[in-house]
Amino acid sequence: MESVVMPTLAFCALAYFVCGIPFGMLIARAQGVDVRKTGSGNIGATNVGRSVGAWAAVLTFLLDAGKGWLCTGLASWLIPMLSGVELKAFSPGSPFDVCFTCVYAACVLGHVFSPYLKFHGGKGISVGFGAALGFDPRISFGLLAVFLVFVLPTRYVSLGSICAAASLSIWTLFFGYTVRAIIPMVIVAVCVIWAHRSNLKKLASHQEKKFSFHHSDGDGSSSKGGDAK
């Protein structure tokens, strides 16, 4: 067990700092928009889409998902190599499956609590999808299915995001991971739902606005609503 601890901790640190990069804010800034002062003030793809445009939302999603995918993908390859433990020992239900879910958690927490933005950040949905894709695509597709089931009929991105986060530990359990591997996923789910606390209040009071792309003129006039990424 000791041989996997240091590689896992190293990749958790790498994932935290890489996934803390606020791509949405950087993309909007390149267009002269401070996304933190427009719409909902969030740096994720949804608010970037409202504030800058559809192309910016797509690029933000790809970069946020990509940074998660890169970190967990590298971890799933290099942790076994560096620890000298066979890859099958890290498969779901095996003794070391917790290593990958810890790196996954570091990806999402780095995005939500970005070290580059005084521990503020996005809401973890895009990076969570990409990070799951990097080590177990089945979890990613499960999250996507839940997200779409709630978003397509309602157009409430926040509702789909919250429900997808709530299903994370369920999918992990369904695919045979050990109890200790599920613990980091529960932490992620709680943090992502907590990051959506303002959306929950708006949903409860019927004030949450449905998603649509809107290009703000940068003066903060874009509509506030169901930002979730």
C-alpha atoms as a PDB file:
ATOM      1  CA  MET A   1       0.000   0.000   0.000  1.00  0.00           C
ATOM      2  CA  GLU A   2       2.847   2.375   0.872  1.00  0.00           C
ATOM      3  CA  SER A   3       4.241   2.259  -2.667  1.00  0.00           C
ATOM      4  CA  VAL A   4       1.150   3.949  -4.135  1.00  0.00           C
ATOM      5  CA  VAL A   5       0.808   6.702  -1.519  1.00  0.00           C
ATOM      6  CA  MET A   6       3.441   9.108  -2.797  1.00  0.00           C
ATOM      7  CA  PRO A   7       2.518   8.822  -6.511  1.00  0.00           C
ATOM      8  CA  THR A   8      -1.148   9.318  -5.599  1.00  0.00           C
ATOM      9  CA  LEU A   9      -0.422  12.374  -3.459  1.00  0.00           C
ATOM     10  CA  ALA A  10       1.789  13.806  -6.206  1.00  0.00           C
ATOM     11  CA  PHE A  11      -0.970  13.452  -8.794  1.00  0.00           C
ATOM     12  CA  CYS A  12      -3.549  14.870  -6.397  1.00  0.00           C
ATOM     13  CA  ALA A  13      -1.370  17.978  -6.034  1.00  0.00           C
ATOM     14  CA  LEU A  14      -0.840  18.181  -9.804  1.00  0.00           C
ATOM     15  CA  ALA A  15      -4.573  17.778 -10.440  1.00  0.00           C
ATOM     16  CA  TYR A  16      -5.452  20.470  -7.922  1.00  0.00           C
ATOM     17  CA  PHE A  17      -3.166  23.083  -9.453  1.00  0.00           C
ATOM     18  CA  VAL A  18      -3.837  22.202 -13.084  1.00  0.00           C
ATOM     19  CA  CYS A  19      -7.602  22.053 -12.655  1.00  0.00           C
ATOM     20  CA  GLY A  20      -7.541  25.328 -10.743  1.00  0.00           C
ATOM     21  CA  ILE A  21      -6.638  27.171 -13.965  1.00  0.00           C
ATOM     22  CA  PRO A  22      -9.676  29.431 -14.642  1.00  0.00           C
ATOM     23  CA  PHE A  23      -9.987  28.979 -18.398  1.00  0.00           C
ATOM     24  CA  GLY A  24     -13.446  30.555 -18.549  1.00  0.00           C
ATOM     25  CA  MET A  25     -12.222  33.760 -16.949  1.00  0.00           C
ATOM     26  CA  LEU A  26      -9.175  33.883 -19.252  1.00  0.00           C
ATOM     27  CA  ILE A  27     -11.274  33.357 -22.385  1.00  0.00           C
ATOM     28  CA  ALA A  28     -13.732  36.082 -21.385  1.00  0.00           C
ATOM     29  CA  ARG A  29     -10.924  38.446 -20.421  1.00  0.00           C
ATOM     30  CA  ALA A  30      -9.389  38.014 -23.882  1.00  0.00           C
ATOM     31  CA  GLN A  31     -12.672  39.451 -25.225  1.00  0.00           C
ATOM     32  CA  GLY A  32     -12.608  42.373 -22.798  1.00  0.00           C
ATOM     33  CA  VAL A  33     -15.183  40.874 -20.428  1.00  0.00           C
ATOM     34  CA  ASP A  34     -14.717  40.262 -16.717  1.00  0.00           C
ATOM     35  CA  VAL A  35     -16.998  37.253 -16.420  1.00  0.00           C
ATOM     36  CA  ARG A  36     -16.951  37.564 -12.634  1.00  0.00           C
ATOM     37  CA  LYS A  37     -18.860  40.856 -12.970  1.00  0.00           C
ATOM     38  CA  THR A  38     -21.429  39.753 -15.549  1.00  0.00           C
ATOM     39  CA  GLY A  39     -24.398  37.415 -15.381  1.00  0.00           C
ATOM     40  CA  SER A  40     -24.135  35.150 -12.366  1.00  0.00           C
ATOM     41  CA  GLY A  41     -20.476  36.037 -11.813  1.00  0.00           C
ATOM     42  CA  ASN A  42     -19.379  32.436 -12.275  1.00  0.00           C
ATOM     43  CA  ILE A  43     -16.334  31.501 -14.387  1.00  0.00           C
ATOM     44  CA  GLY A  44     -17.869  28.348 -15.890  1.00  0.00           C
ATOM     45  CA  ALA A  45     -19.039  27.592 -19.406  1.00  0.00           C
ATOM     46  CA  THR A  46     -22.663  28.554 -18.831  1.00  0.00           C
ATOM     47  CA  ASN A  47     -21.975  32.101 -17.675  1.00  0.00           C
ATOM     48  CA  VAL A  48     -19.181  32.531 -20.226  1.00  0.00           C
ATOM     49  CA  GLY A  49     -21.706  31.557 -22.895  1.00  0.00           C
ATOM     50  CA  ARG A  50     -24.140  34.204 -21.693  1.00  0.00           C
ATOM     51  CA  SER A  51     -21.477  36.858 -21.345  1.00  0.00           C
ATOM     52  CA  VAL A  52     -19.352  36.263 -24.446  1.00  0.00           C
ATOM     53  CA  GLY A  53     -21.113  33.838 -26.769  1.00  0.00           C
ATOM     54  CA  ALA A  54     -21.670  30.207 -27.708  1.00  0.00           C
ATOM     55  CA  TRP A  55     -18.169  29.682 -29.090  1.00  0.00           C
ATOM     56  CA  ALA A  56     -16.670  30.819 -25.787  1.00  0.00           C
ATOM     57  CA  ALA A  57     -18.919  28.460 -23.833  1.00  0.00           C
ATOM     58  CA  VAL A  58     -17.856  25.513 -25.995  1.00  0.00           C
ATOM     59  CA  LEU A  59     -14.180  26.404 -25.680  1.00  0.00           C
ATOM     60  CA  THR A  60     -14.485  26.824 -21.918  1.00  0.00           C
ATOM     61  CA  PHE A  61     -16.218  23.467 -21.595  1.00  0.00           C
ATOM     62  CA  LEU A  62     -13.578  21.708 -23.707  1.00  0.00           C
ATOM     63  CA  LEU A  63     -10.690  23.235 -21.773  1.00  0.00           C
ATOM     64  CA  ASP A  64     -12.268  22.606 -18.362  1.00  0.00           C
ATOM     65  CA  ALA A  65     -13.199  19.034 -19.251  1.00  0.00           C
ATOM     66  CA  GLY A  66      -9.835  18.568 -20.929  1.00  0.00           C
ATOM     67  CA  LYS A  67      -7.801  19.548 -17.893  1.00  0.00           C
ATOM     68  CA  GLY A  68      -9.705  16.997 -15.801  1.00  0.00           C
ATOM     69  CA  TRP A  69      -9.332  14.301 -18.440  1.00  0.00           C
ATOM     70  CA  LEU A  70      -5.595  14.980 -18.749  1.00  0.00           C
ATOM     71  CA  CYS A  71      -4.966  14.721 -15.007  1.00  0.00           C
ATOM     72  CA  THR A  72      -6.908  11.526 -14.341  1.00  0.00           C
ATOM     73  CA  GLY A  73      -5.782   9.982 -17.612  1.00  0.00           C
ATOM     74  CA  LEU A  74      -2.127  10.516 -16.730  1.00  0.00           C
ATOM     75  CA  ALA A  75      -2.751   9.308 -13.179  1.00  0.00           C
ATOM     76  CA  SER A  76      -4.395   6.083 -14.339  1.00  0.00           C
ATOM     77  CA  TRP A  77      -1.337   5.355 -16.454  1.00  0.00           C
ATOM     78  CA  LEU A  78       1.533   6.647 -14.339  1.00  0.00           C
ATOM     79  CA  ILE A  79       0.487   5.795 -10.761  1.00  0.00           C
ATOM     80  CA  PRO A  80       0.656   2.036 -11.461  1.00  0.00           C
ATOM     81  CA  MET A  81       3.941   2.513 -13.338  1.00  0.00           C
ATOM     82  CA  LEU A  82       5.584   4.624 -10.631  1.00  0.00           C
ATOM     83  CA  SER A  83       4.362   2.426  -7.783  1.00  0.00           C
ATOM     84  CA  GLY A  84       5.337  -0.831  -9.443  1.00  0.00           C
ATOM     85  CA  VAL A  85       1.837  -2.238  -8.870  1.00  0.00           C
ATOM     86  CA  GLU A  86      -0.031  -4.027 -11.648  1.00  0.00           C
ATOM     87  CA  LEU A  87      -2.746  -1.991 -13.351  1.00  0.00           C
ATOM     88  CA  LYS A  88      -5.433  -4.560 -12.505  1.00  0.00           C
ATOM     89  CA  ALA A  89      -4.870  -3.792  -8.812  1.00  0.00           C
ATOM     90  CA  PHE A  90      -6.429  -0.364  -9.479  1.00  0.00           C
ATOM     91  CA  SER A  91      -9.587  -1.659 -11.184  1.00  0.00           C
ATOM     92  CA  PRO A  92     -12.993  -1.103  -9.533  1.00  0.00           C
ATOM     93  CA  GLY A  93     -13.343  -3.237  -6.419  1.00  0.00           C
ATOM     94  CA  SER A  94      -9.588  -3.765  -6.112  1.00  0.00           C
ATOM     95  CA  PRO A  95      -7.449  -2.548  -3.182  1.00  0.00           C
ATOM     96  CA  PHE A  96      -6.142   0.586  -4.887  1.00  0.00           C
ATOM     97  CA  ASP A  97      -9.221   1.894  -6.730  1.00  0.00           C
ATOM     98  CA  VAL A  98      -9.346   4.725  -4.183  1.00  0.00           C
ATOM     99  CA  CYS A  99      -6.186   6.214  -5.734  1.00  0.00           C
ATOM    100  CA  PHE A 100      -8.024   7.261  -8.884  1.00  0.00           C
ATOM    101  CA  THR A 101     -11.064   8.622  -7.080  1.00  0.00           C
ATOM    102  CA  CYS A 102      -8.771  10.734  -4.882  1.00  0.00           C
ATOM    103  CA  VAL A 103      -7.171  12.262  -7.982  1.00  0.00           C
ATOM    104  CA  TYR A 104     -10.672  12.812  -9.374  1.00  0.00           C
ATOM    105  CA  ALA A 105     -11.650  14.667  -6.220  1.00  0.00           C
ATOM    106  CA  ALA A 106      -8.521  16.831  -6.451  1.00  0.00           C
ATOM    107  CA  CYS A 107      -9.494  17.815 -10.003  1.00  0.00           C
ATOM    108  CA  VAL A 108     -12.955  19.017  -9.021  1.00  0.00           C
ATOM    109  CA  LEU A 109     -11.865  20.675  -5.786  1.00  0.00           C
ATOM    110  CA  GLY A 110      -9.090  22.508  -7.637  1.00  0.00           C
ATOM    111  CA  HIS A 111     -11.672  23.947 -10.016  1.00  0.00           C
ATOM    112  CA  VAL A 112     -14.188  24.873  -7.311  1.00  0.00           C
ATOM    113  CA  PHE A 113     -11.541  26.256  -4.921  1.00  0.00           C
ATOM    114  CA  SER A 114      -9.019  27.635  -7.393  1.00  0.00           C
ATOM    115  CA  PRO A 115      -5.653  28.522  -5.835  1.00  0.00           C
ATOM    116  CA  TYR A 116      -5.338  31.271  -8.460  1.00  0.00           C
ATOM    117  CA  LEU A 117      -8.586  33.024  -7.495  1.00  0.00           C
ATOM    118  CA  LYS A 118      -8.228  33.106  -3.710  1.00  0.00           C
ATOM    119  CA  PHE A 119      -9.966  29.718  -3.470  1.00  0.00           C
ATOM    120  CA  HIS A 120     -12.995  30.767  -5.485  1.00  0.00           C
ATOM    121  CA  GLY A 121     -13.796  29.154  -8.813  1.00  0.00           C
ATOM    122  CA  GLY A 122     -16.375  27.377 -10.919  1.00  0.00           C
ATOM    123  CA  LYS A 123     -18.949  24.823  -9.917  1.00  0.00           C
ATOM    124  CA  GLY A 124     -17.178  21.664 -11.004  1.00  0.00           C
ATOM    125  CA  ILE A 125     -19.461  20.168 -13.644  1.00  0.00           C
ATOM    126  CA  SER A 126     -17.339  20.358 -16.802  1.00  0.00           C
ATOM    127  CA  VAL A 127     -14.124  19.363 -15.048  1.00  0.00           C
ATOM    128  CA  GLY A 128     -15.948  16.573 -13.229  1.00  0.00           C
ATOM    129  CA  PHE A 129     -17.225  15.146 -16.494  1.00  0.00           C
ATOM    130  CA  GLY A 130     -13.774  15.267 -18.092  1.00  0.00           C
ATOM    131  CA  ALA A 131     -11.992  13.866 -15.062  1.00  0.00           C
ATOM    132  CA  ALA A 132     -14.341  10.882 -14.900  1.00  0.00           C
ATOM    133  CA  LEU A 133     -13.786  10.323 -18.609  1.00  0.00           C
ATOM    134  CA  GLY A 134     -10.051  10.029 -17.930  1.00  0.00           C
ATOM    135  CA  PHE A 135     -10.237   7.084 -15.546  1.00  0.00           C
ATOM    136  CA  ASP A 136     -13.667   5.479 -16.011  1.00  0.00           C
ATOM    137  CA  PRO A 137     -15.788   6.687 -18.967  1.00  0.00           C
ATOM    138  CA  ARG A 138     -18.785   4.748 -17.648  1.00  0.00           C
ATOM    139  CA  ILE A 139     -19.104   7.226 -14.779  1.00  0.00           C
ATOM    140  CA  SER A 140     -18.893  10.150 -17.215  1.00  0.00           C
ATOM    141  CA  PHE A 141     -21.668   8.759 -19.391  1.00  0.00           C
ATOM    142  CA  GLY A 142     -23.796   8.096 -16.315  1.00  0.00           C
ATOM    143  CA  LEU A 143     -23.363  11.698 -15.166  1.00  0.00           C
ATOM    144  CA  LEU A 144     -24.131  12.975 -18.659  1.00  0.00           C
ATOM    145  CA  ALA A 145     -27.290  10.866 -18.837  1.00  0.00           C
ATOM    146  CA  VAL A 146     -28.597  12.280 -15.549  1.00  0.00           C
ATOM    147  CA  PHE A 147     -27.668  15.805 -16.601  1.00  0.00           C
ATOM    148  CA  LEU A 148     -29.536  15.535 -19.907  1.00  0.00           C
ATOM    149  CA  VAL A 149     -32.604  13.902 -18.363  1.00  0.00           C
ATOM    150  CA  PHE A 150     -33.137  16.990 -16.220  1.00  0.00           C
ATOM    151  CA  VAL A 151     -31.830  19.728 -18.531  1.00  0.00           C
ATOM    152  CA  LEU A 152     -33.462  18.863 -21.852  1.00  0.00           C
ATOM    153  CA  PRO A 153     -37.095  19.164 -20.708  1.00  0.00           C
ATOM    154  CA  THR A 154     -36.524  22.103 -18.329  1.00  0.00           C
ATOM    155  CA  ARG A 155     -33.512  24.064 -19.717  1.00  0.00           C
ATOM    156  CA  TYR A 156     -32.359  24.497 -16.117  1.00  0.00           C
ATOM    157  CA  VAL A 157     -28.625  23.771 -16.323  1.00  0.00           C
ATOM    158  CA  SER A 158     -28.259  24.105 -12.577  1.00  0.00           C
ATOM    159  CA  LEU A 159     -30.929  21.460 -11.943  1.00  0.00           C
ATOM    160  CA  GLY A 160     -29.175  18.985 -14.223  1.00  0.00           C
ATOM    161  CA  SER A 161     -25.828  19.790 -12.632  1.00  0.00           C
ATOM    162  CA  ILE A 162     -27.083  19.292  -9.083  1.00  0.00           C
ATOM    163  CA  CYS A 163     -28.769  15.998  -9.943  1.00  0.00           C
ATOM    164  CA  ALA A 164     -25.686  14.755 -11.802  1.00  0.00           C
ATOM    165  CA  ALA A 165     -23.514  15.597  -8.786  1.00  0.00           C
ATOM    166  CA  ALA A 166     -25.939  13.818  -6.465  1.00  0.00           C
ATOM    167  CA  SER A 167     -25.706  10.703  -8.647  1.00  0.00           C
ATOM    168  CA  LEU A 168     -21.893  10.569  -8.628  1.00  0.00           C
ATOM    169  CA  SER A 169     -21.465   8.255  -5.660  1.00  0.00           C
ATOM    170  CA  ILE A 170     -24.354   6.106  -6.878  1.00  0.00           C
ATOM    171  CA  TRP A 171     -22.652   5.512 -10.237  1.00  0.00           C
ATOM    172  CA  THR A 172     -19.365   4.787  -8.475  1.00  0.00           C
ATOM    173  CA  LEU A 173     -21.057   2.201  -6.274  1.00  0.00           C
ATOM    174  CA  PHE A 174     -22.967   0.767  -9.241  1.00  0.00           C
ATOM    175  CA  PHE A 175     -19.741   0.151 -11.152  1.00  0.00           C
ATOM    176  CA  GLY A 176     -18.236  -1.814  -8.285  1.00  0.00           C
ATOM    177  CA  TYR A 177     -15.839   0.558  -6.533  1.00  0.00           C
ATOM    178  CA  THR A 178     -14.936  -0.079  -2.902  1.00  0.00           C
ATOM    179  CA  VAL A 179     -16.506   1.900  -0.077  1.00  0.00           C
ATOM    180  CA  ARG A 180     -13.311   3.819   0.596  1.00  0.00           C
ATOM    181  CA  ALA A 181     -13.110   4.750  -3.101  1.00  0.00           C
ATOM    182  CA  ILE A 182     -16.630   6.157  -2.901  1.00  0.00           C
ATOM    183  CA  ILE A 183     -15.770   8.488   0.003  1.00  0.00           C
ATOM    184  CA  PRO A 184     -13.895  11.030  -2.203  1.00  0.00           C
ATOM    185  CA  MET A 185     -16.849  10.980  -4.609  1.00  0.00           C
ATOM    186  CA  VAL A 186     -19.257  11.793  -1.779  1.00  0.00           C
ATOM    187  CA  ILE A 187     -17.016  14.729  -0.810  1.00  0.00           C
ATOM    188  CA  VAL A 188     -17.056  15.935  -4.424  1.00  0.00           C
ATOM    189  CA  ALA A 189     -20.841  15.648  -4.642  1.00  0.00           C
ATOM    190  CA  VAL A 190     -21.306  17.641  -1.427  1.00  0.00           C
ATOM    191  CA  CYS A 191     -18.913  20.375  -2.594  1.00  0.00           C
ATOM    192  CA  VAL A 192     -20.503  20.676  -6.033  1.00  0.00           C
ATOM    193  CA  ILE A 193     -24.009  20.870  -4.572  1.00  0.00           C
ATOM    194  CA  TRP A 194     -22.746  23.433  -2.036  1.00  0.00           C
ATOM    195  CA  ALA A 195     -21.303  25.463  -4.929  1.00  0.00           C
ATOM    196  CA  HIS A 196     -24.829  25.509  -6.396  1.00  0.00           C
ATOM    197  CA  ARG A 197     -26.451  26.757  -3.184  1.00  0.00           C
ATOM    198  CA  SER A 198     -27.566  30.045  -4.784  1.00  0.00           C
ATOM    199  CA  ASN A 199     -29.102  28.097  -7.667  1.00  0.00           C
ATOM    200  CA  LEU A 200     -30.973  25.877  -5.227  1.00  0.00           C
ATOM    201  CA  LYS A 201     -32.502  28.962  -3.608  1.00  0.00           C
ATOM    202  CA  LYS A 202     -33.551  30.328  -7.002  1.00  0.00           C
ATOM    203  CA  LEU A 203     -35.011  26.988  -8.058  1.00  0.00           C
ATOM    204  CA  ALA A 204     -36.975  26.765  -4.813  1.00  0.00           C
ATOM    205  CA  SER A 205     -38.355  30.301  -5.260  1.00  0.00           C
ATOM    206  CA  HIS A 206     -38.984  29.835  -9.022  1.00  0.00           C
ATOM    207  CA  GLN A 207     -36.499  32.619  -9.831  1.00  0.00           C
ATOM    208  CA  GLU A 208     -33.968  30.494 -11.705  1.00  0.00           C
ATOM    209  CA  LYS A 209     -33.799  31.463 -15.361  1.00  0.00           C
ATOM    210  CA  LYS A 210     -33.617  28.959 -18.183  1.00  0.00           C
ATOM    211  CA  PHE A 211     -30.451  28.725 -20.188  1.00  0.00           C
ATOM    212  CA  SER A 212     -29.897  30.642 -23.398  1.00  0.00           C
ATOM    213  CA  PHE A 213     -26.802  32.105 -25.028  1.00  0.00           C
ATOM    214  CA  HIS A 214     -26.573  35.853 -24.686  1.00  0.00           C
ATOM    215  CA  HIS A 215     -23.627  38.004 -25.697  1.00  0.00           C
ATOM    216  CA  SER A 216     -23.142  40.657 -23.056  1.00  0.00           C
ATOM    217  CA  ASP A 217     -21.696  44.041 -23.935  1.00  0.00           C
ATOM    218  CA  GLY A 218     -19.425  43.661 -20.917  1.00  0.00           C
ATOM    219  CA  ASP A 219     -21.221  46.162 -18.679  1.00  0.00           C
ATOM    220  CA  GLY A 220     -22.855  43.520 -16.543  1.00  0.00           C
ATOM    221  CA  SER A 221     -26.149  43.666 -18.420  1.00  0.00           C
ATOM    222  CA  SER A 222     -26.360  39.999 -19.315  1.00  0.00           C
ATOM    223  CA  SER A 223     -29.171  38.161 -17.598  1.00  0.00           C
ATOM    224  CA  LYS A 224     -28.480  36.314 -14.389  1.00  0.00           C
ATOM    225  CA  GLY A 225     -29.611  32.766 -14.084  1.00  0.00           C
ATOM    226  CA  GLY A 226     -28.892  29.072 -13.952  1.00  0.00           C
ATOM    227  CA  ASP A 227     -25.136  29.069 -14.256  1.00  0.00           C
ATOM    228  CA  ALA A 228     -23.660  25.755 -13.254  1.00  0.00           C
ATOM    229  CA  LYS A 229     -20.270  24.973 -14.686  1.00  0.00           C
END
